[in-house]
Amino acid sequence: MNASPEIRLAMLGMIEGNGHPYSWSAIVNGYDPEKMASCPYPVIAQYLGKQPLESVRIRGARVTHIWTDQPDDAPKVAAASKIETVVVRPEDVIGKVDAVIIATDDGNDHVRRAAPFVEAGLPVFVDKPMAINLPDLKQFLRWQKSGAKILSTSGMRYIPEMQQVRRKSEELGELRWITSFTCKSWERYGIHALEAIYPQIGPGFLTAQTNHQEGSDIVHLTHRTGLQATIAAIHDAYGSFGAVHVYGTKGQLAITLKDTYTAFREQLVAFIEMLRSDQPPLPFAQTVELMAVIIAGIRSREQKGRVVLIEEILGELGT
């Protein structure tokens, strides 16, 4: 960490379907509304625009460098989100920033992207899902055990609407079933639906079983508490993203997760606070378990709906 009170961050990578370099950089730096209007993901300008312009900023940190997979994208992100420096190669930020953010959501490609920065000793935030295959998850686990500072979460962990579950715990009673929905694929977006509910129930998933049809995966999960969860990933149902329903012994609660700005902001604040305090906001074992659940869902689908034990996946990791 440099002696400066302002933490310098690099935003690295942008792939089709994921506008986090625009949104996350804007949340940290502030943004230019006129230039953000040209962002290819209109929803970003919409939720940023609902906030007072002067409030969109995380004090004490700044995204100072940007690199994108398509070189033409980086200047546009930089202009919209007030980033000073566009680099030719991602490795060019080493020695110039205090930490990096890998802003792509391909869980089969994060080890390759993160490796130069982990090896350089830089803390790394990895967009969700961190790793959706066992070799890559093993590599992240090895890095973390050797002292690397790695954080990977979905913003849905911090979504404010889910706090209703704790506030209404007396009305709900003991939780018995939760449904949580996402659009797009299980591999890419299942972690959103899963991590939205994870803080409410904690570690301890036991099994995963996937019912697959073309364009959708419905994953049934069991938990050590006796709770069951149904995580649905239906590729084209964009309008239903963020629907959660909680069923307890005394009552039920339907929730729609909408405040993505606050979720993303709290997610970024958690990483920045980790850089300041050297204390992670959650045990790395939780991230490993969540990735094991995603991998178990994939394995169940590939094996025609077999019930896959989460401990089977964790055992193959050697945890």
Protein backbone atom coordinates (compact mmCIF):
# COMPACT_ATOMS: atom_id res chain seq x y z
CA MET A 1 0.00 0.00 0.00
CA ASN A 2 1.37 3.42 -0.85
CA ALA A 3 1.66 6.18 1.71
CA SER A 4 -0.96 8.30 -0.02
CA PRO A 5 -4.34 8.46 1.74
CA GLU A 6 -6.05 7.86 -1.60
CA ILE A 7 -6.06 4.22 -2.72
CA ARG A 8 -5.27 3.84 -6.41
CA LEU A 9 -7.21 1.16 -8.27
CA ALA A 10 -6.90 -0.31 -11.76
CA MET A 11 -10.04 -1.49 -13.57
CA LEU A 12 -9.06 -4.33 -15.88
CA GLY A 13 -11.04 -6.15 -18.54
CA MET A 14 -14.44 -5.78 -20.17
CA ILE A 15 -16.32 -8.51 -22.03
CA GLU A 16 -19.65 -8.60 -23.80
CA GLY A 17 -22.66 -8.32 -21.53
CA ASN A 18 -20.83 -6.83 -18.55
CA GLY A 19 -20.61 -3.06 -18.03
CA HIS A 20 -18.91 -3.07 -14.62
CA PRO A 21 -15.92 -1.01 -15.80
CA TYR A 22 -18.38 1.83 -16.44
CA SER A 23 -20.48 1.40 -13.32
CA TRP A 24 -17.90 0.43 -10.74
CA SER A 25 -15.47 3.12 -11.88
CA ALA A 26 -18.26 5.71 -11.78
CA ILE A 27 -19.28 4.69 -8.27
CA VAL A 28 -15.70 5.16 -7.06
CA ASN A 29 -14.73 8.25 -9.10
CA GLY A 30 -17.94 10.03 -9.90
CA TYR A 31 -18.93 10.38 -13.54
CA ASP A 32 -19.78 12.65 -16.43
CA PRO A 33 -23.56 12.29 -17.05
CA GLU A 34 -23.34 13.47 -20.67
CA LYS A 35 -20.65 10.94 -21.56
CA MET A 36 -22.27 8.18 -19.48
CA ALA A 37 -25.40 8.60 -21.60
CA SER A 38 -23.45 6.92 -24.41
CA CYS A 39 -22.68 3.85 -22.30
CA PRO A 40 -23.91 0.73 -24.16
CA TYR A 41 -25.64 -0.48 -20.97
CA PRO A 42 -28.47 2.05 -20.43
CA VAL A 43 -29.42 0.63 -17.04
CA ILE A 44 -26.13 1.97 -15.62
CA ALA A 45 -26.96 5.58 -16.46
CA GLN A 46 -30.45 4.98 -15.09
CA TYR A 47 -29.44 3.82 -11.62
CA LEU A 48 -26.57 6.28 -11.38
CA GLY A 49 -28.98 9.04 -12.37
CA LYS A 50 -31.28 8.25 -9.45
CA GLN A 51 -28.52 9.37 -7.06
CA PRO A 52 -27.59 13.01 -6.38
CA LEU A 53 -24.65 13.56 -8.71
CA GLU A 54 -22.38 14.91 -5.98
CA SER A 55 -23.00 11.79 -3.85
CA VAL A 56 -21.65 9.34 -6.44
CA ARG A 57 -18.09 8.95 -5.18
CA ILE A 58 -16.18 6.83 -2.67
CA ARG A 59 -13.86 9.13 -0.79
CA GLY A 60 -10.31 7.96 -0.23
CA ALA A 61 -10.11 5.81 -3.35
CA ARG A 62 -9.82 6.39 -7.08
CA VAL A 63 -9.79 4.29 -10.22
CA THR A 64 -6.69 5.73 -11.87
CA HIS A 65 -6.04 3.20 -14.66
CA ILE A 66 -8.22 1.33 -17.16
CA TRP A 67 -7.62 -1.49 -19.62
CA THR A 68 -10.31 -3.24 -21.69
CA ASP A 69 -10.20 -6.29 -23.95
CA GLN A 70 -11.25 -4.17 -26.92
CA PRO A 71 -8.89 -1.18 -27.05
CA ASP A 72 -11.58 1.16 -28.41
CA ASP A 73 -13.68 0.68 -25.26
CA ALA A 74 -11.15 1.98 -22.73
CA PRO A 75 -11.19 5.70 -23.76
CA LYS A 76 -15.00 5.69 -23.63
CA VAL A 77 -15.04 4.22 -20.12
CA ALA A 78 -12.30 6.61 -19.05
CA ALA A 79 -14.24 9.64 -20.30
CA ALA A 80 -17.53 8.58 -18.71
CA SER A 81 -16.06 7.53 -15.38
CA LYS A 82 -13.26 10.07 -14.99
CA ILE A 83 -10.31 7.67 -15.24
CA GLU A 84 -7.01 9.40 -15.88
CA THR A 85 -4.90 6.74 -17.59
CA VAL A 86 -5.60 4.19 -20.32
CA VAL A 87 -2.95 1.47 -20.51
CA VAL A 88 -1.95 -0.67 -23.49
CA ARG A 89 -1.46 -3.87 -21.47
CA PRO A 90 -3.04 -4.78 -18.12
CA GLU A 91 0.40 -5.50 -16.64
CA ASP A 92 1.34 -1.86 -17.24
CA VAL A 93 -0.48 -0.92 -14.02
CA ILE A 94 1.93 -2.89 -11.82
CA GLY A 95 3.88 -0.45 -9.68
CA LYS A 96 1.38 2.34 -10.32
CA VAL A 97 -1.66 1.20 -8.34
CA ASP A 98 -2.38 -0.27 -4.93
CA ALA A 99 -4.84 -2.94 -6.06
CA VAL A 100 -6.59 -4.21 -9.16
CA ILE A 101 -10.15 -5.11 -10.03
CA ILE A 102 -10.69 -7.89 -12.57
CA ALA A 103 -13.99 -6.67 -13.99
CA THR A 104 -14.99 -9.66 -16.15
CA ASP A 105 -17.57 -12.27 -15.19
CA ASP A 106 -16.17 -15.32 -16.99
CA GLY A 107 -15.38 -17.78 -14.20
CA ASN A 108 -13.26 -19.91 -16.54
CA ASP A 109 -10.82 -17.08 -17.28
CA HIS A 110 -10.03 -15.38 -13.98
CA VAL A 111 -6.86 -17.27 -13.07
CA ARG A 112 -5.19 -16.14 -16.29
CA ARG A 113 -6.27 -12.57 -15.74
CA ALA A 114 -5.36 -12.42 -12.06
CA ALA A 115 -2.02 -14.25 -12.17
CA PRO A 116 0.32 -11.33 -13.03
CA PHE A 117 -1.08 -9.21 -10.20
CA VAL A 118 -1.17 -11.93 -7.56
CA GLU A 119 2.43 -12.77 -8.46
CA ALA A 120 3.33 -9.07 -8.17
CA GLY A 121 1.85 -9.00 -4.65
CA LEU A 122 -1.09 -6.75 -5.48
CA PRO A 123 -4.48 -7.29 -3.80
CA VAL A 124 -7.06 -8.41 -6.34
CA PHE A 125 -10.83 -8.11 -6.48
CA VAL A 126 -12.25 -10.69 -8.89
CA ASP A 127 -15.71 -10.18 -10.36
CA LYS A 128 -18.17 -12.99 -9.73
CA PRO A 129 -18.02 -15.92 -10.12
CA MET A 130 -14.39 -16.31 -9.08
CA ALA A 131 -13.88 -19.78 -10.59
CA ILE A 132 -16.32 -22.30 -12.01
CA ASN A 133 -13.94 -25.20 -12.60
CA LEU A 134 -11.93 -27.17 -10.06
CA PRO A 135 -8.38 -26.49 -11.36
CA ASP A 136 -8.92 -22.73 -11.26
CA LEU A 137 -10.58 -22.85 -7.85
CA LYS A 138 -7.63 -24.88 -6.56
CA GLN A 139 -5.27 -22.21 -7.89
CA PHE A 140 -7.12 -19.39 -6.12
CA LEU A 141 -7.11 -21.44 -2.94
CA ARG A 142 -3.35 -22.02 -3.22
CA TRP A 143 -2.76 -18.31 -3.77
CA GLN A 144 -4.92 -17.35 -0.80
CA LYS A 145 -3.24 -19.88 1.49
CA SER A 146 0.15 -18.51 0.47
CA GLY A 147 -0.88 -15.03 1.60
CA ALA A 148 -2.39 -13.43 -1.51
CA LYS A 149 -5.14 -10.88 -0.82
CA ILE A 150 -8.09 -11.95 -2.96
CA LEU A 151 -11.75 -11.00 -2.67
CA SER A 152 -14.60 -12.08 -4.92
CA THR A 153 -18.27 -11.41 -4.28
CA SER A 154 -21.53 -10.73 -6.03
CA GLY A 155 -22.99 -7.34 -5.31
CA MET A 156 -26.17 -9.18 -4.32
CA ARG A 157 -24.46 -10.08 -1.03
CA TYR A 158 -24.93 -6.41 -0.12
CA ILE A 159 -28.37 -5.80 -1.64
CA PRO A 160 -30.32 -3.79 0.97
CA GLU A 161 -33.74 -5.36 0.38
CA MET A 162 -32.55 -8.74 1.74
CA GLN A 163 -32.15 -7.18 5.19
CA GLN A 164 -35.92 -7.58 5.52
CA VAL A 165 -35.39 -11.28 6.18
CA ARG A 166 -33.56 -10.58 9.44
CA ARG A 167 -35.84 -7.73 10.43
CA LYS A 168 -38.87 -9.98 10.02
CA SER A 169 -37.36 -13.14 11.46
CA GLU A 170 -40.01 -13.39 14.19
CA GLU A 171 -42.80 -13.17 11.63
CA LEU A 172 -41.15 -15.71 9.34
CA GLY A 173 -40.16 -18.27 11.95
CA GLU A 174 -37.60 -20.91 11.01
CA LEU A 175 -36.75 -20.76 7.32
CA ARG A 176 -37.74 -23.82 5.32
CA TRP A 177 -37.52 -22.85 1.64
CA ILE A 178 -36.11 -20.00 -0.42
CA THR A 179 -36.48 -19.38 -4.13
CA SER A 180 -34.08 -16.99 -5.83
CA PHE A 181 -34.11 -16.05 -9.50
CA THR A 182 -31.65 -14.80 -12.08
CA CYS A 183 -31.65 -14.30 -15.81
CA LYS A 184 -28.75 -15.45 -18.01
CA SER A 185 -26.84 -18.66 -17.33
CA TRP A 186 -26.15 -20.63 -14.15
CA GLU A 187 -22.41 -20.35 -14.81
CA ARG A 188 -22.37 -16.59 -15.22
CA TYR A 189 -25.28 -15.32 -13.10
CA GLY A 190 -26.22 -18.16 -10.75
CA ILE A 191 -23.87 -16.65 -8.17
CA HIS A 192 -26.08 -13.52 -8.03
CA ALA A 193 -29.16 -15.52 -7.04
CA LEU A 194 -27.14 -17.71 -4.67
CA GLU A 195 -25.16 -15.00 -2.89
CA ALA A 196 -28.27 -12.86 -2.38
CA ILE A 197 -29.58 -15.52 0.04
CA TYR A 198 -26.27 -16.81 1.45
CA PRO A 199 -25.82 -14.18 4.20
CA GLN A 200 -29.31 -14.99 5.47
CA ILE A 201 -28.63 -18.69 5.96
CA GLY A 202 -24.85 -18.99 6.26
CA PRO A 203 -22.47 -21.78 5.25
CA GLY A 204 -23.52 -25.38 5.12
CA PHE A 205 -24.92 -26.36 1.73
CA LEU A 206 -25.09 -30.14 1.43
CA THR A 207 -26.31 -31.09 -2.05
CA ALA A 208 -27.09 -29.69 -5.49
CA GLN A 209 -29.32 -31.20 -8.16
CA THR A 210 -29.96 -29.51 -11.52
CA ASN A 211 -33.04 -29.82 -13.67
CA HIS A 212 -31.89 -28.65 -17.09
CA GLN A 213 -33.86 -27.61 -20.14
CA GLU A 214 -32.63 -25.66 -23.14
CA GLY A 215 -32.19 -22.10 -21.92
CA SER A 216 -32.65 -22.77 -18.23
CA ASP A 217 -31.24 -24.49 -15.15
CA ILE A 218 -33.29 -24.99 -11.99
CA VAL A 219 -30.95 -26.02 -9.15
CA HIS A 220 -32.33 -27.57 -5.98
CA LEU A 221 -30.07 -27.14 -2.93
CA THR A 222 -30.22 -28.59 0.56
CA HIS A 223 -28.62 -27.01 3.64
CA ARG A 224 -27.42 -28.29 7.01
CA THR A 225 -30.20 -26.33 8.75
CA GLY A 226 -32.85 -28.36 6.93
CA LEU A 227 -33.66 -25.45 4.64
CA GLN A 228 -34.10 -26.09 0.92
CA ALA A 229 -33.40 -23.55 -1.80
CA THR A 230 -34.41 -23.39 -5.44
CA ILE A 231 -32.12 -21.28 -7.61
CA ALA A 232 -33.49 -20.62 -11.08
CA ALA A 233 -31.38 -19.34 -13.98
CA ILE A 234 -33.61 -18.77 -17.01
CA HIS A 235 -31.62 -17.14 -19.75
CA ASP A 236 -34.09 -14.74 -21.34
CA ALA A 237 -36.24 -13.76 -18.33
CA TYR A 238 -34.51 -10.40 -17.80
CA GLY A 239 -37.59 -8.76 -16.34
CA SER A 240 -37.70 -11.20 -13.42
CA PHE A 241 -34.09 -10.77 -12.26
CA GLY A 242 -33.80 -10.36 -8.51
CA ALA A 243 -37.04 -12.05 -7.43
CA VAL A 244 -36.66 -13.84 -4.07
CA HIS A 245 -39.31 -15.61 -2.00
CA VAL A 246 -38.66 -16.73 1.58
CA TYR A 247 -40.88 -19.32 3.29
CA GLY A 248 -40.78 -19.95 7.05
CA THR A 249 -42.69 -21.92 9.65
CA LYS A 250 -44.75 -18.84 10.55
CA GLY A 251 -44.89 -16.73 7.40
CA GLN A 252 -43.55 -15.90 3.97
CA LEU A 253 -41.98 -12.88 2.31
CA ALA A 254 -41.69 -11.93 -1.36
CA ILE A 255 -38.80 -9.59 -2.15
CA THR A 256 -37.72 -7.83 -5.33
CA LEU A 257 -34.07 -6.81 -5.40
CA LYS A 258 -33.79 -3.44 -7.15
CA ASP A 259 -31.19 -1.26 -5.43
CA THR A 260 -28.18 -2.41 -7.43
CA TYR A 261 -26.43 0.94 -6.96
CA THR A 262 -26.24 0.48 -3.18
CA ALA A 263 -25.28 -3.18 -3.61
CA PHE A 264 -22.38 -2.33 -5.92
CA ARG A 265 -21.29 0.59 -3.77
CA GLU A 266 -21.21 -1.50 -0.59
CA GLN A 267 -19.35 -4.24 -2.45
CA LEU A 268 -16.66 -1.77 -3.53
CA VAL A 269 -16.50 -0.15 -0.08
CA ALA A 270 -15.91 -3.62 1.42
CA PHE A 271 -12.92 -4.14 -0.86
CA ILE A 272 -11.51 -0.69 -0.16
CA GLU A 273 -11.91 -1.22 3.59
CA MET A 274 -10.12 -4.55 3.24
CA LEU A 275 -7.20 -2.71 1.63
CA ARG A 276 -7.09 -0.23 4.50
CA SER A 277 -7.52 -2.66 7.38
CA ASP A 278 -5.92 -5.77 5.90
CA GLN A 279 -9.00 -7.65 7.15
CA PRO A 280 -11.28 -9.41 4.63
CA PRO A 281 -15.02 -8.70 4.93
CA LEU A 282 -15.82 -12.44 4.90
CA PRO A 283 -13.93 -15.70 5.33
CA PHE A 284 -12.42 -16.96 2.08
CA ALA A 285 -13.95 -20.34 2.90
CA GLN A 286 -17.38 -18.86 2.15
CA THR A 287 -16.30 -17.90 -1.36
CA VAL A 288 -14.88 -21.39 -1.86
CA GLU A 289 -18.16 -22.96 -0.73
CA LEU A 290 -20.18 -20.75 -3.08
CA MET A 291 -17.95 -21.72 -6.00
CA ALA A 292 -18.29 -25.38 -4.98
CA VAL A 293 -22.09 -25.01 -5.18
CA ILE A 294 -21.85 -23.50 -8.67
CA ILE A 295 -19.50 -26.30 -9.78
CA ALA A 296 -21.81 -28.92 -8.22
CA GLY A 297 -24.73 -27.50 -10.19
CA ILE A 298 -22.73 -27.76 -13.41
CA ARG A 299 -21.68 -31.33 -12.60
CA SER A 300 -25.25 -32.36 -11.80
CA ARG A 301 -26.42 -30.97 -15.15
CA GLU A 302 -23.63 -32.76 -17.01
CA GLN A 303 -24.54 -36.02 -15.22
CA LYS A 304 -28.23 -35.84 -16.07
CA GLY A 305 -29.48 -34.51 -12.75
CA ARG A 306 -27.42 -36.57 -10.32
CA VAL A 307 -27.55 -35.32 -6.73
CA VAL A 308 -24.04 -33.97 -6.14
CA LEU A 309 -22.68 -33.65 -2.60
CA ILE A 310 -20.99 -30.32 -1.94
CA GLU A 311 -18.45 -32.20 0.17
CA GLU A 312 -17.60 -34.19 -2.98
CA ILE A 313 -16.46 -30.97 -4.64
CA LEU A 314 -14.71 -29.66 -1.52
CA GLY A 315 -13.00 -33.03 -1.08
CA GLU A 316 -11.56 -32.81 -4.58
CA LEU A 317 -10.21 -29.38 -3.65
CA GLY A 318 -8.47 -30.90 -0.64
CA THR A 319 -10.21 -28.61 1.86
